[in-house]
Amino acid sequence: MMKNICISTAFLICVALVATSPALALRCGNNIVDVGDSKIEVLAKCGEPTLKEEVGEDITREHDRGESRRAKRYVEKWTYNFGSTRFIYVITIRDGKVIDISAEDKGF
């Protein structure tokens, strides 16, 4: 009984760690792209993406006088489709660095 509780607890801790992971890593051949990599590193490791998009994000900036202003900040979204045996990956890039990697549906 105690053994089952320990195994269940360990399993739940592992699931919680995976669920709170902020981003994935992307494997391109023998190379791995991770958060913090530069655009040039991504291109060297994975080649040109299937799709490049520029997406605006609305942000609010606080100023010294207590004023806040809305602004738009742009990020790049690079999509890699490696075919039907792998997922489609979207890499989000801000200021020339990878800030997020997400897996989408299966590729085609």
N, C-alpha and C. Protein backbone atom coordinates (compact mmCIF):
# COMPACT_ATOMS: atom_id res chain seq x y z
N MET A 1 0.83 -1.19 0.00
CA MET A 1 0.00 0.00 0.00
C MET A 1 0.87 1.25 0.00
N MET A 2 1.88 1.29 0.88
CA MET A 2 2.76 2.45 0.98
C MET A 2 3.55 2.63 -0.32
N LYS A 3 3.94 1.51 -0.95
CA LYS A 3 4.67 1.56 -2.21
C LYS A 3 3.82 2.22 -3.30
N ASN A 4 2.53 1.88 -3.36
CA ASN A 4 1.62 2.48 -4.35
C ASN A 4 1.47 3.98 -4.14
N ILE A 5 1.43 4.41 -2.89
CA ILE A 5 1.31 5.84 -2.59
C ILE A 5 2.57 6.57 -3.04
N CYS A 6 3.74 5.99 -2.79
CA CYS A 6 5.00 6.61 -3.20
C CYS A 6 5.09 6.71 -4.73
N ILE A 7 4.70 5.66 -5.42
CA ILE A 7 4.73 5.66 -6.88
C ILE A 7 3.75 6.70 -7.42
N SER A 8 2.55 6.75 -6.86
CA SER A 8 1.55 7.73 -7.29
C SER A 8 2.03 9.15 -7.05
N THR A 9 2.64 9.39 -5.91
CA THR A 9 3.15 10.73 -5.59
C THR A 9 4.27 11.12 -6.55
N ALA A 10 5.17 10.22 -6.83
CA ALA A 10 6.26 10.49 -7.77
C ALA A 10 5.71 10.79 -9.16
N PHE A 11 4.71 10.03 -9.58
CA PHE A 11 4.09 10.25 -10.88
C PHE A 11 3.45 11.64 -10.94
N LEU A 12 2.72 12.02 -9.91
CA LEU A 12 2.06 13.33 -9.89
C LEU A 12 3.08 14.47 -9.90
N ILE A 13 4.19 14.29 -9.21
CA ILE A 13 5.24 15.32 -9.23
C ILE A 13 5.82 15.46 -10.63
N CYS A 14 6.07 14.35 -11.31
CA CYS A 14 6.59 14.40 -12.68
C CYS A 14 5.61 15.08 -13.63
N VAL A 15 4.34 14.76 -13.51
CA VAL A 15 3.31 15.39 -14.35
C VAL A 15 3.26 16.88 -14.08
N ALA A 16 3.33 17.28 -12.83
CA ALA A 16 3.30 18.70 -12.48
C ALA A 16 4.50 19.43 -13.05
N LEU A 17 5.67 18.83 -13.02
CA LEU A 17 6.86 19.47 -13.57
C LEU A 17 6.75 19.65 -15.07
N VAL A 18 6.23 18.65 -15.77
CA VAL A 18 6.06 18.75 -17.21
C VAL A 18 5.00 19.78 -17.55
N ALA A 19 3.91 19.81 -16.81
CA ALA A 19 2.81 20.73 -17.08
C ALA A 19 3.21 22.17 -16.86
N THR A 20 4.14 22.44 -15.96
CA THR A 20 4.55 23.81 -15.69
C THR A 20 5.76 24.23 -16.51
N SER A 21 6.24 23.35 -17.37
CA SER A 21 7.38 23.69 -18.21
C SER A 21 7.01 24.85 -19.13
N PRO A 22 7.78 25.94 -19.14
CA PRO A 22 7.40 27.11 -19.91
C PRO A 22 7.54 26.94 -21.42
N ALA A 23 8.41 26.09 -21.87
CA ALA A 23 8.60 25.95 -23.30
C ALA A 23 9.22 24.59 -23.61
N LEU A 24 9.06 24.20 -24.86
CA LEU A 24 9.67 22.98 -25.35
C LEU A 24 11.01 23.30 -25.96
N ALA A 25 11.77 22.30 -26.21
CA ALA A 25 12.96 22.43 -27.05
C ALA A 25 12.61 21.79 -28.38
N LEU A 26 13.27 22.19 -29.43
CA LEU A 26 13.00 21.67 -30.76
C LEU A 26 14.24 20.98 -31.29
N ARG A 27 14.07 19.72 -31.70
CA ARG A 27 15.18 18.97 -32.27
C ARG A 27 15.13 19.08 -33.79
N CYS A 28 16.25 19.52 -34.35
CA CYS A 28 16.44 19.59 -35.80
C CYS A 28 17.66 18.74 -36.13
N GLY A 29 17.43 17.53 -36.58
CA GLY A 29 18.54 16.61 -36.82
C GLY A 29 19.26 16.32 -35.52
N ASN A 30 20.57 16.59 -35.46
CA ASN A 30 21.34 16.39 -34.23
C ASN A 30 21.40 17.65 -33.37
N ASN A 31 20.73 18.71 -33.78
CA ASN A 31 20.78 19.99 -33.08
C ASN A 31 19.52 20.21 -32.26
N ILE A 32 19.66 21.02 -31.21
CA ILE A 32 18.51 21.36 -30.37
C ILE A 32 18.41 22.88 -30.31
N VAL A 33 17.20 23.38 -30.59
CA VAL A 33 16.89 24.80 -30.46
C VAL A 33 16.17 24.97 -29.13
N ASP A 34 16.59 25.97 -28.36
CA ASP A 34 16.01 26.20 -27.04
C ASP A 34 15.75 27.69 -26.85
N VAL A 35 14.95 28.01 -25.85
CA VAL A 35 14.68 29.40 -25.50
C VAL A 35 16.01 30.09 -25.22
N GLY A 36 16.15 31.30 -25.75
CA GLY A 36 17.40 32.06 -25.59
C GLY A 36 18.29 32.01 -26.80
N ASP A 37 18.08 31.03 -27.69
CA ASP A 37 18.89 30.96 -28.91
C ASP A 37 18.58 32.16 -29.80
N SER A 38 19.56 32.57 -30.59
CA SER A 38 19.37 33.69 -31.52
C SER A 38 18.75 33.19 -32.82
N LYS A 39 18.25 34.13 -33.62
CA LYS A 39 17.67 33.77 -34.91
C LYS A 39 18.70 33.08 -35.79
N ILE A 40 19.92 33.55 -35.75
CA ILE A 40 20.97 32.97 -36.58
C ILE A 40 21.26 31.53 -36.16
N GLU A 41 21.20 31.25 -34.86
CA GLU A 41 21.40 29.88 -34.38
C GLU A 41 20.27 28.98 -34.87
N VAL A 42 19.04 29.49 -34.83
CA VAL A 42 17.89 28.69 -35.29
C VAL A 42 18.05 28.38 -36.77
N LEU A 43 18.41 29.37 -37.56
CA LEU A 43 18.61 29.14 -39.00
C LEU A 43 19.72 28.14 -39.26
N ALA A 44 20.81 28.23 -38.50
CA ALA A 44 21.92 27.29 -38.67
C ALA A 44 21.51 25.87 -38.29
N LYS A 45 20.69 25.73 -37.26
CA LYS A 45 20.30 24.41 -36.77
C LYS A 45 19.16 23.78 -37.56
N CYS A 46 18.19 24.61 -38.00
CA CYS A 46 16.98 24.06 -38.61
C CYS A 46 16.74 24.49 -40.05
N GLY A 47 17.49 25.48 -40.53
CA GLY A 47 17.23 25.99 -41.87
C GLY A 47 16.07 26.96 -41.87
N GLU A 48 15.65 27.34 -43.07
CA GLU A 48 14.54 28.29 -43.22
C GLU A 48 13.23 27.64 -42.76
N PRO A 49 12.40 28.41 -42.05
CA PRO A 49 11.10 27.87 -41.63
C PRO A 49 10.13 27.76 -42.81
N THR A 50 9.09 26.99 -42.62
CA THR A 50 8.03 26.86 -43.61
C THR A 50 7.28 28.18 -43.76
N LEU A 51 7.12 28.90 -42.66
CA LEU A 51 6.37 30.15 -42.65
C LEU A 51 6.98 31.11 -41.63
N LYS A 52 7.08 32.39 -42.01
CA LYS A 52 7.52 33.45 -41.10
C LYS A 52 6.41 34.49 -41.04
N GLU A 53 6.00 34.86 -39.82
CA GLU A 53 4.96 35.87 -39.64
C GLU A 53 5.43 36.89 -38.62
N GLU A 54 4.97 38.13 -38.77
CA GLU A 54 5.21 39.15 -37.76
C GLU A 54 3.86 39.44 -37.11
N VAL A 55 3.81 39.32 -35.79
CA VAL A 55 2.56 39.44 -35.05
C VAL A 55 2.70 40.55 -34.02
N GLY A 56 1.70 41.43 -33.95
CA GLY A 56 1.71 42.51 -32.98
C GLY A 56 1.08 42.09 -31.67
N GLU A 57 1.72 42.47 -30.56
CA GLU A 57 1.19 42.22 -29.22
C GLU A 57 0.89 43.58 -28.59
N ASP A 58 -0.31 43.75 -28.04
CA ASP A 58 -0.63 44.98 -27.34
C ASP A 58 -0.01 44.94 -25.95
N ILE A 59 0.69 46.02 -25.59
CA ILE A 59 1.29 46.10 -24.27
C ILE A 59 0.96 47.46 -23.67
N THR A 60 1.04 47.57 -22.36
CA THR A 60 0.85 48.83 -21.67
C THR A 60 2.17 49.19 -21.00
N ARG A 61 2.61 50.42 -21.25
CA ARG A 61 3.87 50.88 -20.66
C ARG A 61 3.58 51.95 -19.62
N GLU A 62 4.18 51.78 -18.47
CA GLU A 62 4.07 52.76 -17.39
C GLU A 62 5.19 53.78 -17.53
N HIS A 63 4.84 55.06 -17.37
CA HIS A 63 5.84 56.12 -17.45
C HIS A 63 6.07 56.73 -16.08
N ASP A 64 7.13 57.53 -15.97
CA ASP A 64 7.55 58.12 -14.69
C ASP A 64 6.45 58.90 -13.99
N ARG A 65 5.64 59.59 -14.75
CA ARG A 65 4.62 60.45 -14.14
C ARG A 65 3.33 59.71 -13.80
N GLY A 66 3.39 58.44 -13.76
CA GLY A 66 2.21 57.65 -13.43
C GLY A 66 1.28 57.42 -14.61
N GLU A 67 1.68 57.90 -15.78
CA GLU A 67 0.87 57.71 -16.97
C GLU A 67 1.14 56.33 -17.55
N SER A 68 0.14 55.80 -18.19
CA SER A 68 0.35 54.54 -18.91
C SER A 68 -0.08 54.74 -20.35
N ARG A 69 0.67 54.15 -21.22
CA ARG A 69 0.38 54.25 -22.65
C ARG A 69 0.34 52.86 -23.25
N ARG A 70 -0.59 52.70 -24.16
CA ARG A 70 -0.68 51.43 -24.88
C ARG A 70 0.25 51.50 -26.08
N ALA A 71 0.87 50.40 -26.35
CA ALA A 71 1.78 50.31 -27.49
C ALA A 71 1.66 48.93 -28.11
N LYS A 72 2.25 48.78 -29.25
CA LYS A 72 2.26 47.48 -29.92
C LYS A 72 3.71 47.05 -30.05
N ARG A 73 3.98 45.82 -29.62
CA ARG A 73 5.31 45.25 -29.73
C ARG A 73 5.19 44.07 -30.70
N TYR A 74 6.15 43.95 -31.58
CA TYR A 74 6.07 42.91 -32.59
C TYR A 74 7.00 41.74 -32.26
N VAL A 75 6.49 40.55 -32.52
CA VAL A 75 7.28 39.33 -32.40
C VAL A 75 7.21 38.61 -33.74
N GLU A 76 8.20 37.77 -33.96
CA GLU A 76 8.18 36.92 -35.15
C GLU A 76 7.75 35.53 -34.74
N LYS A 77 6.95 34.91 -35.58
CA LYS A 77 6.54 33.52 -35.38
C LYS A 77 7.06 32.73 -36.57
N TRP A 78 7.97 31.79 -36.28
CA TRP A 78 8.52 30.93 -37.31
C TRP A 78 7.91 29.55 -37.16
N THR A 79 7.32 29.04 -38.23
CA THR A 79 6.66 27.74 -38.21
C THR A 79 7.50 26.72 -38.98
N TYR A 80 7.74 25.59 -38.33
CA TYR A 80 8.47 24.48 -38.96
C TYR A 80 7.53 23.28 -39.08
N ASN A 81 7.36 22.80 -40.32
CA ASN A 81 6.55 21.62 -40.60
C ASN A 81 7.49 20.55 -41.12
N PHE A 82 7.76 19.55 -40.28
CA PHE A 82 8.71 18.50 -40.62
C PHE A 82 8.06 17.27 -41.24
N GLY A 83 6.78 17.35 -41.58
CA GLY A 83 6.12 16.22 -42.21
C GLY A 83 5.15 15.50 -41.29
N SER A 84 4.51 14.50 -41.82
CA SER A 84 3.40 13.83 -41.12
C SER A 84 3.83 12.98 -39.93
N THR A 85 5.12 12.73 -39.76
CA THR A 85 5.57 11.90 -38.64
C THR A 85 5.95 12.73 -37.41
N ARG A 86 5.90 14.07 -37.55
CA ARG A 86 6.26 14.95 -36.43
C ARG A 86 5.22 16.05 -36.29
N PHE A 87 5.30 16.74 -35.17
CA PHE A 87 4.42 17.87 -34.94
C PHE A 87 4.92 19.10 -35.69
N ILE A 88 4.03 20.05 -35.90
CA ILE A 88 4.40 21.37 -36.39
C ILE A 88 4.87 22.17 -35.18
N TYR A 89 5.98 22.85 -35.30
CA TYR A 89 6.52 23.67 -34.20
C TYR A 89 6.48 25.13 -34.58
N VAL A 90 6.10 25.97 -33.61
CA VAL A 90 6.10 27.42 -33.79
C VAL A 90 7.09 28.01 -32.80
N ILE A 91 8.06 28.75 -33.33
CA ILE A 91 9.07 29.42 -32.52
C ILE A 91 8.73 30.90 -32.49
N THR A 92 8.61 31.46 -31.30
CA THR A 92 8.34 32.89 -31.15
C THR A 92 9.64 33.60 -30.83
N ILE A 93 9.92 34.66 -31.59
CA ILE A 93 11.18 35.39 -31.47
C ILE A 93 10.89 36.86 -31.18
N ARG A 94 11.54 37.38 -30.14
CA ARG A 94 11.44 38.81 -29.82
C ARG A 94 12.85 39.35 -29.65
N ASP A 95 13.12 40.50 -30.24
CA ASP A 95 14.43 41.13 -30.16
C ASP A 95 15.56 40.18 -30.57
N GLY A 96 15.30 39.35 -31.58
CA GLY A 96 16.32 38.47 -32.12
C GLY A 96 16.59 37.19 -31.35
N LYS A 97 15.80 36.93 -30.28
CA LYS A 97 16.02 35.75 -29.44
C LYS A 97 14.74 34.92 -29.34
N VAL A 98 14.90 33.61 -29.25
CA VAL A 98 13.75 32.70 -29.06
C VAL A 98 13.20 32.91 -27.65
N ILE A 99 11.89 33.21 -27.57
CA ILE A 99 11.25 33.37 -26.26
C ILE A 99 10.25 32.25 -25.96
N ASP A 100 9.85 31.50 -27.00
CA ASP A 100 8.89 30.41 -26.78
C ASP A 100 8.96 29.42 -27.94
N ILE A 101 8.73 28.16 -27.62
CA ILE A 101 8.62 27.10 -28.62
C ILE A 101 7.38 26.29 -28.28
N SER A 102 6.47 26.14 -29.24
CA SER A 102 5.27 25.36 -28.97
C SER A 102 5.04 24.34 -30.07
N ALA A 103 4.43 23.24 -29.68
CA ALA A 103 4.07 22.18 -30.64
C ALA A 103 2.60 22.32 -30.97
N GLU A 104 2.30 22.22 -32.25
CA GLU A 104 0.92 22.33 -32.71
C GLU A 104 0.43 20.96 -33.15
N ASP A 105 -0.42 20.91 -34.16
CA ASP A 105 -0.94 19.65 -34.70
C ASP A 105 0.16 18.87 -35.42
N LYS A 106 -0.18 17.66 -35.82
CA LYS A 106 0.75 16.86 -36.63
C LYS A 106 0.99 17.56 -37.96
N GLY A 107 2.21 17.41 -38.45
CA GLY A 107 2.57 18.02 -39.73
C GLY A 107 1.91 17.30 -40.89
N PHE A 108 2.21 17.77 -42.08
CA PHE A 108 1.66 17.19 -43.29
C PHE A 108 2.69 17.22 -44.40
